[in-house]
Amino acid sequence: MREAGTIRERIFQALIKRYTADQEEALVKIDALLKGEVVPGHYALTEDIDNLLAKVADATEKMATLRHFYGTN
């Protein structure tokens, strides 16, 4: 059965889930890089972590903006 709620509520929840998934994916990759669970010869660790942190920050900002202007969650 499909999720109940207005289309606005469903869109809001879909976006929150997308941003949460984006954050989690980036954080898992950062954890793997910090623990050395990467392909041998990988040398751009700081650059990769910086880029991944930017993705986390972007998703966090998007969620905060969405909640500020369109939601109560």
C-alpha atoms as a PDB file:
ATOM      1  CA  MET A   1       0.000   0.000   0.000  1.00  0.00           C
ATOM      2  CA  ARG A   2       1.292   3.465  -0.849  1.00  0.00           C
ATOM      3  CA  GLU A   3       2.211   5.934   1.846  1.00  0.00           C
ATOM      4  CA  ALA A   4      -0.658   8.114   3.021  1.00  0.00           C
ATOM      5  CA  GLY A   5      -0.486  11.884   3.142  1.00  0.00           C
ATOM      6  CA  THR A   6      -0.742  14.817   0.861  1.00  0.00           C
ATOM      7  CA  ILE A   7       1.529  15.086  -2.137  1.00  0.00           C
ATOM      8  CA  ARG A   8       3.308  17.955  -0.364  1.00  0.00           C
ATOM      9  CA  GLU A   9       4.024  15.764   2.677  1.00  0.00           C
ATOM     10  CA  ARG A  10       5.210  12.902   0.479  1.00  0.00           C
ATOM     11  CA  ILE A  11       7.534  15.152  -1.514  1.00  0.00           C
ATOM     12  CA  PHE A  12       8.894  16.636   1.709  1.00  0.00           C
ATOM     13  CA  GLN A  13       9.597  13.175   3.140  1.00  0.00           C
ATOM     14  CA  ALA A  14      11.147  11.973  -0.129  1.00  0.00           C
ATOM     15  CA  LEU A  15      13.559  14.913  -0.115  1.00  0.00           C
ATOM     16  CA  ILE A  16      14.478  14.375   3.541  1.00  0.00           C
ATOM     17  CA  LYS A  17      15.194  10.711   2.776  1.00  0.00           C
ATOM     18  CA  ARG A  18      17.334  11.699  -0.232  1.00  0.00           C
ATOM     19  CA  TYR A  19      19.413  14.160   1.783  1.00  0.00           C
ATOM     20  CA  THR A  20      19.790  11.716   4.662  1.00  0.00           C
ATOM     21  CA  ALA A  21      20.979   9.028   2.237  1.00  0.00           C
ATOM     22  CA  ASP A  22      23.437  11.468   0.627  1.00  0.00           C
ATOM     23  CA  GLN A  23      24.856  12.277   4.063  1.00  0.00           C
ATOM     24  CA  GLU A  24      25.145   8.646   5.107  1.00  0.00           C
ATOM     25  CA  GLU A  25      26.814   7.607   1.856  1.00  0.00           C
ATOM     26  CA  ALA A  26      29.448  10.335   2.193  1.00  0.00           C
ATOM     27  CA  LEU A  27      30.052   9.561   5.882  1.00  0.00           C
ATOM     28  CA  VAL A  28      30.537   5.847   5.162  1.00  0.00           C
ATOM     29  CA  LYS A  29      33.112   6.709   2.512  1.00  0.00           C
ATOM     30  CA  ILE A  30      34.894   9.092   4.888  1.00  0.00           C
ATOM     31  CA  ASP A  31      34.997   6.365   7.559  1.00  0.00           C
ATOM     32  CA  ALA A  32      36.473   3.919   5.031  1.00  0.00           C
ATOM     33  CA  LEU A  33      39.130   6.423   3.987  1.00  0.00           C
ATOM     34  CA  LEU A  34      40.060   7.240   7.579  1.00  0.00           C
ATOM     35  CA  LYS A  35      40.299   3.557   8.516  1.00  0.00           C
ATOM     36  CA  GLY A  36      42.489   2.773   5.510  1.00  0.00           C
ATOM     37  CA  GLU A  37      39.852   0.624   3.831  1.00  0.00           C
ATOM     38  CA  VAL A  38      40.702   1.902   0.365  1.00  0.00           C
ATOM     39  CA  VAL A  39      42.420   0.641  -2.730  1.00  0.00           C
ATOM     40  CA  PRO A  40      46.217   0.533  -2.253  1.00  0.00           C
ATOM     41  CA  GLY A  41      47.953   3.478  -3.885  1.00  0.00           C
ATOM     42  CA  HIS A  42      45.134   5.872  -3.166  1.00  0.00           C
ATOM     43  CA  TYR A  43      46.885   9.154  -2.414  1.00  0.00           C
ATOM     44  CA  ALA A  44      44.250  11.901  -2.609  1.00  0.00           C
ATOM     45  CA  LEU A  45      42.838  11.206   0.856  1.00  0.00           C
ATOM     46  CA  THR A  46      42.562  14.795   2.067  1.00  0.00           C
ATOM     47  CA  GLU A  47      41.062  15.946  -1.216  1.00  0.00           C
ATOM     48  CA  ASP A  48      38.573  13.071  -1.233  1.00  0.00           C
ATOM     49  CA  ILE A  49      37.579  13.648   2.388  1.00  0.00           C
ATOM     50  CA  ASP A  50      37.197  17.383   1.728  1.00  0.00           C
ATOM     51  CA  ASN A  51      34.896  16.656  -1.221  1.00  0.00           C
ATOM     52  CA  LEU A  52      32.863  14.174   0.813  1.00  0.00           C
ATOM     53  CA  LEU A  53      32.527  16.643   3.691  1.00  0.00           C
ATOM     54  CA  ALA A  54      31.210  19.176   1.179  1.00  0.00           C
ATOM     55  CA  LYS A  55      28.516  16.652   0.197  1.00  0.00           C
ATOM     56  CA  VAL A  56      27.574  16.154   3.854  1.00  0.00           C
ATOM     57  CA  ALA A  57      27.402  19.913   4.410  1.00  0.00           C
ATOM     58  CA  ASP A  58      25.356  20.410   1.236  1.00  0.00           C
ATOM     59  CA  ALA A  59      22.803  17.774   2.258  1.00  0.00           C
ATOM     60  CA  THR A  60      22.638  19.207   5.781  1.00  0.00           C
ATOM     61  CA  GLU A  61      22.039  22.698   4.440  1.00  0.00           C
ATOM     62  CA  LYS A  62      19.374  21.486   2.027  1.00  0.00           C
ATOM     63  CA  MET A  63      17.515  19.684   4.820  1.00  0.00           C
ATOM     64  CA  ALA A  64      17.686  22.724   7.081  1.00  0.00           C
ATOM     65  CA  THR A  65      16.443  25.007   4.308  1.00  0.00           C
ATOM     66  CA  LEU A  66      13.626  22.639   3.380  1.00  0.00           C
ATOM     67  CA  ARG A  67      12.527  22.353   7.009  1.00  0.00           C
ATOM     68  CA  HIS A  68      12.805  26.114   7.584  1.00  0.00           C
ATOM     69  CA  PHE A  69      10.651  27.151   4.640  1.00  0.00           C
ATOM     70  CA  TYR A  70       8.386  24.162   4.025  1.00  0.00           C
ATOM     71  CA  GLY A  71       8.152  21.865   6.989  1.00  0.00           C
ATOM     72  CA  THR A  72       7.680  21.399  10.645  1.00  0.00           C
ATOM     73  CA  ASN A  73       9.900  18.298  10.948  1.00  0.00           C
END
